[in-house]
């Protein structure tokens, strides 16, 4: 893939690194508890992953290729962002007031 489509391969590697970084930060945040700057890092990485995945989905849908995988990728990217933002959003049950 790196010889046939190097740009596409590099994009795949960057996307995988972004997902791995998000997993690492979220895991460290869970294991070590809330520390200064970790929430912003988690939200930033989740936003980057979501933007990349939604962009990938849009490109594949416009080209009419890819099938279900790019759509699942976009949904998972948005879900990652929502989960990263969840602790910062007010509770629907009125807790914390």
C-alpha atoms as a PDB file:
ATOM      1  CA  UNK A   1       0.000   0.000   0.000  1.00  0.00           C
ATOM      2  CA  UNK A   2       2.890   2.379   0.697  1.00  0.00           C
ATOM      3  CA  UNK A   3       4.196   1.957  -2.854  1.00  0.00           C
ATOM      4  CA  UNK A   4       0.811   2.104  -4.641  1.00  0.00           C
ATOM      5  CA  UNK A   5      -0.796   4.945  -2.674  1.00  0.00           C
ATOM      6  CA  UNK A   6       1.703   6.525  -0.259  1.00  0.00           C
ATOM      7  CA  UNK A   7      -0.583   9.437   0.647  1.00  0.00           C
ATOM      8  CA  UNK A   8      -3.437   7.134   1.528  1.00  0.00           C
ATOM      9  CA  UNK A   9      -1.130   4.870   3.519  1.00  0.00           C
ATOM     10  CA  UNK A  10       0.312   7.823   5.436  1.00  0.00           C
ATOM     11  CA  UNK A  11      -3.210   9.034   6.229  1.00  0.00           C
ATOM     12  CA  UNK A  12      -4.113   5.599   7.557  1.00  0.00           C
ATOM     13  CA  UNK A  13      -1.031   5.571   9.776  1.00  0.00           C
ATOM     14  CA  UNK A  14      -1.778   9.069  11.097  1.00  0.00           C
ATOM     15  CA  UNK A  15      -5.378   8.051  11.869  1.00  0.00           C
ATOM     16  CA  UNK A  16      -4.204   4.933  13.672  1.00  0.00           C
ATOM     17  CA  UNK A  17      -1.671   6.947  15.691  1.00  0.00           C
ATOM     18  CA  UNK A  18      -4.392   9.452  16.663  1.00  0.00           C
ATOM     19  CA  UNK A  19      -6.691   6.641  17.848  1.00  0.00           C
ATOM     20  CA  UNK A  20      -3.812   4.998  19.764  1.00  0.00           C
ATOM     21  CA  UNK A  21      -2.899   8.320  21.399  1.00  0.00           C
ATOM     22  CA  UNK A  22      -6.528   8.860  22.420  1.00  0.00           C
ATOM     23  CA  UNK A  23      -6.651   5.361  23.886  1.00  0.00           C
ATOM     24  CA  UNK A  24      -3.401   5.960  25.777  1.00  0.00           C
ATOM     25  CA  UNK A  25      -4.495   9.290  27.234  1.00  0.00           C
ATOM     26  CA  UNK A  26      -7.934   7.976  28.196  1.00  0.00           C
ATOM     27  CA  UNK A  27      -6.394   4.887  29.807  1.00  0.00           C
ATOM     28  CA  UNK A  28      -3.870   6.950  31.768  1.00  0.00           C
ATOM     29  CA  UNK A  29      -6.612   9.341  32.832  1.00  0.00           C
ATOM     30  CA  UNK A  30      -8.717   6.419  34.054  1.00  0.00           C
ATOM     31  CA  UNK A  31      -5.838   4.640  35.812  1.00  0.00           C
ATOM     32  CA  UNK A  32      -4.215   7.676  37.443  1.00  0.00           C
ATOM     33  CA  UNK A  33      -7.257   9.832  37.982  1.00  0.00           C
ATOM     34  CA  UNK A  34      -7.895  13.371  36.878  1.00  0.00           C
ATOM     35  CA  UNK A  35      -4.721  15.420  36.524  1.00  0.00           C
ATOM     36  CA  UNK A  36      -4.091  18.907  35.275  1.00  0.00           C
ATOM     37  CA  UNK A  37      -4.299  19.160  31.483  1.00  0.00           C
ATOM     38  CA  UNK A  38      -5.474  15.587  30.858  1.00  0.00           C
ATOM     39  CA  UNK A  39      -9.089  16.569  30.204  1.00  0.00           C
ATOM     40  CA  UNK A  40      -8.077  19.149  27.610  1.00  0.00           C
ATOM     41  CA  UNK A  41      -5.714  16.657  25.975  1.00  0.00           C
ATOM     42  CA  UNK A  42      -8.451  14.017  25.838  1.00  0.00           C
ATOM     43  CA  UNK A  43     -10.954  16.435  24.329  1.00  0.00           C
ATOM     44  CA  UNK A  44      -8.401  17.740  21.840  1.00  0.00           C
ATOM     45  CA  UNK A  45      -7.428  14.264  20.660  1.00  0.00           C
ATOM     46  CA  UNK A  46     -11.076  13.182  20.485  1.00  0.00           C
ATOM     47  CA  UNK A  47     -11.880  16.270  18.404  1.00  0.00           C
ATOM     48  CA  UNK A  48      -8.993  15.498  16.065  1.00  0.00           C
ATOM     49  CA  UNK A  49     -10.095  11.879  15.696  1.00  0.00           C
ATOM     50  CA  UNK A  50     -13.727  12.895  15.113  1.00  0.00           C
ATOM     51  CA  UNK A  51     -12.790  15.495  12.495  1.00  0.00           C
ATOM     52  CA  UNK A  52     -10.557  13.036  10.666  1.00  0.00           C
ATOM     53  CA  UNK A  53     -13.116  10.249  10.732  1.00  0.00           C
ATOM     54  CA  UNK A  54     -15.999  12.448   9.621  1.00  0.00           C
ATOM     55  CA  UNK A  55     -13.814  13.845   6.843  1.00  0.00           C
ATOM     56  CA  UNK A  56     -12.875  10.331   5.767  1.00  0.00           C
ATOM     57  CA  UNK A  57     -16.546   9.350   5.752  1.00  0.00           C
ATOM     58  CA  UNK A  58     -17.509  12.396   3.679  1.00  0.00           C
ATOM     59  CA  UNK A  59     -14.805  11.724   1.105  1.00  0.00           C
ATOM     60  CA  UNK A  60     -15.794   8.068   0.769  1.00  0.00           C
ATOM     61  CA  UNK A  61     -19.503   8.873   0.486  1.00  0.00           C
ATOM     62  CA  UNK A  62     -18.836  11.538  -2.161  1.00  0.00           C
ATOM     63  CA  UNK A  63     -16.724   9.087  -4.150  1.00  0.00           C
ATOM     64  CA  UNK A  64     -19.272   6.304  -3.661  1.00  0.00           C
ATOM     65  CA  UNK A  65     -16.694   3.858  -2.311  1.00  0.00           C
ATOM     66  CA  UNK A  66     -15.839   2.187   0.965  1.00  0.00           C
ATOM     67  CA  UNK A  67     -19.145   0.668   1.992  1.00  0.00           C
ATOM     68  CA  UNK A  68     -19.968   0.474   5.676  1.00  0.00           C
ATOM     69  CA  UNK A  69     -16.453   0.855   7.121  1.00  0.00           C
ATOM     70  CA  UNK A  70     -16.089   4.632   6.607  1.00  0.00           C
ATOM     71  CA  UNK A  71     -19.575   5.222   7.994  1.00  0.00           C
ATOM     72  CA  UNK A  72     -18.758   3.203  11.120  1.00  0.00           C
ATOM     73  CA  UNK A  73     -15.506   5.145  11.401  1.00  0.00           C
ATOM     74  CA  UNK A  74     -17.361   8.469  11.355  1.00  0.00           C
ATOM     75  CA  UNK A  75     -19.866   7.283  13.950  1.00  0.00           C
ATOM     76  CA  UNK A  76     -17.079   6.009  16.219  1.00  0.00           C
ATOM     77  CA  UNK A  77     -15.205   9.296  15.876  1.00  0.00           C
ATOM     78  CA  UNK A  78     -18.275  11.275  16.953  1.00  0.00           C
ATOM     79  CA  UNK A  79     -18.879   8.808  19.798  1.00  0.00           C
ATOM     80  CA  UNK A  80     -15.291   9.267  21.008  1.00  0.00           C
ATOM     81  CA  UNK A  81     -15.801  13.036  21.102  1.00  0.00           C
ATOM     82  CA  UNK A  82     -19.125  12.735  22.936  1.00  0.00           C
ATOM     83  CA  UNK A  83     -17.559  10.416  25.520  1.00  0.00           C
ATOM     84  CA  UNK A  84     -14.620  12.790  25.979  1.00  0.00           C
ATOM     85  CA  UNK A  85     -17.014  15.702  26.518  1.00  0.00           C
ATOM     86  CA  UNK A  86     -19.397  13.772  28.797  1.00  0.00           C
ATOM     87  CA  UNK A  87     -17.669  14.642  32.115  1.00  0.00           C
ATOM     88  CA  UNK A  88     -17.801  18.356  31.237  1.00  0.00           C
ATOM     89  CA  UNK A  89     -21.497  18.439  30.353  1.00  0.00           C
ATOM     90  CA  UNK A  90     -24.157  19.154  32.988  1.00  0.00           C
ATOM     91  CA  UNK A  91     -25.958  16.063  34.196  1.00  0.00           C
ATOM     92  CA  UNK A  92     -29.459  15.424  32.920  1.00  0.00           C
ATOM     93  CA  UNK A  93     -30.454  14.135  36.361  1.00  0.00           C
ATOM     94  CA  UNK A  94     -29.518  17.372  38.110  1.00  0.00           C
ATOM     95  CA  UNK A  95     -26.532  15.932  39.988  1.00  0.00           C
ATOM     96  CA  UNK A  96     -23.741  18.248  40.960  1.00  0.00           C
ATOM     97  CA  UNK A  97     -25.984  21.270  41.466  1.00  0.00           C
END
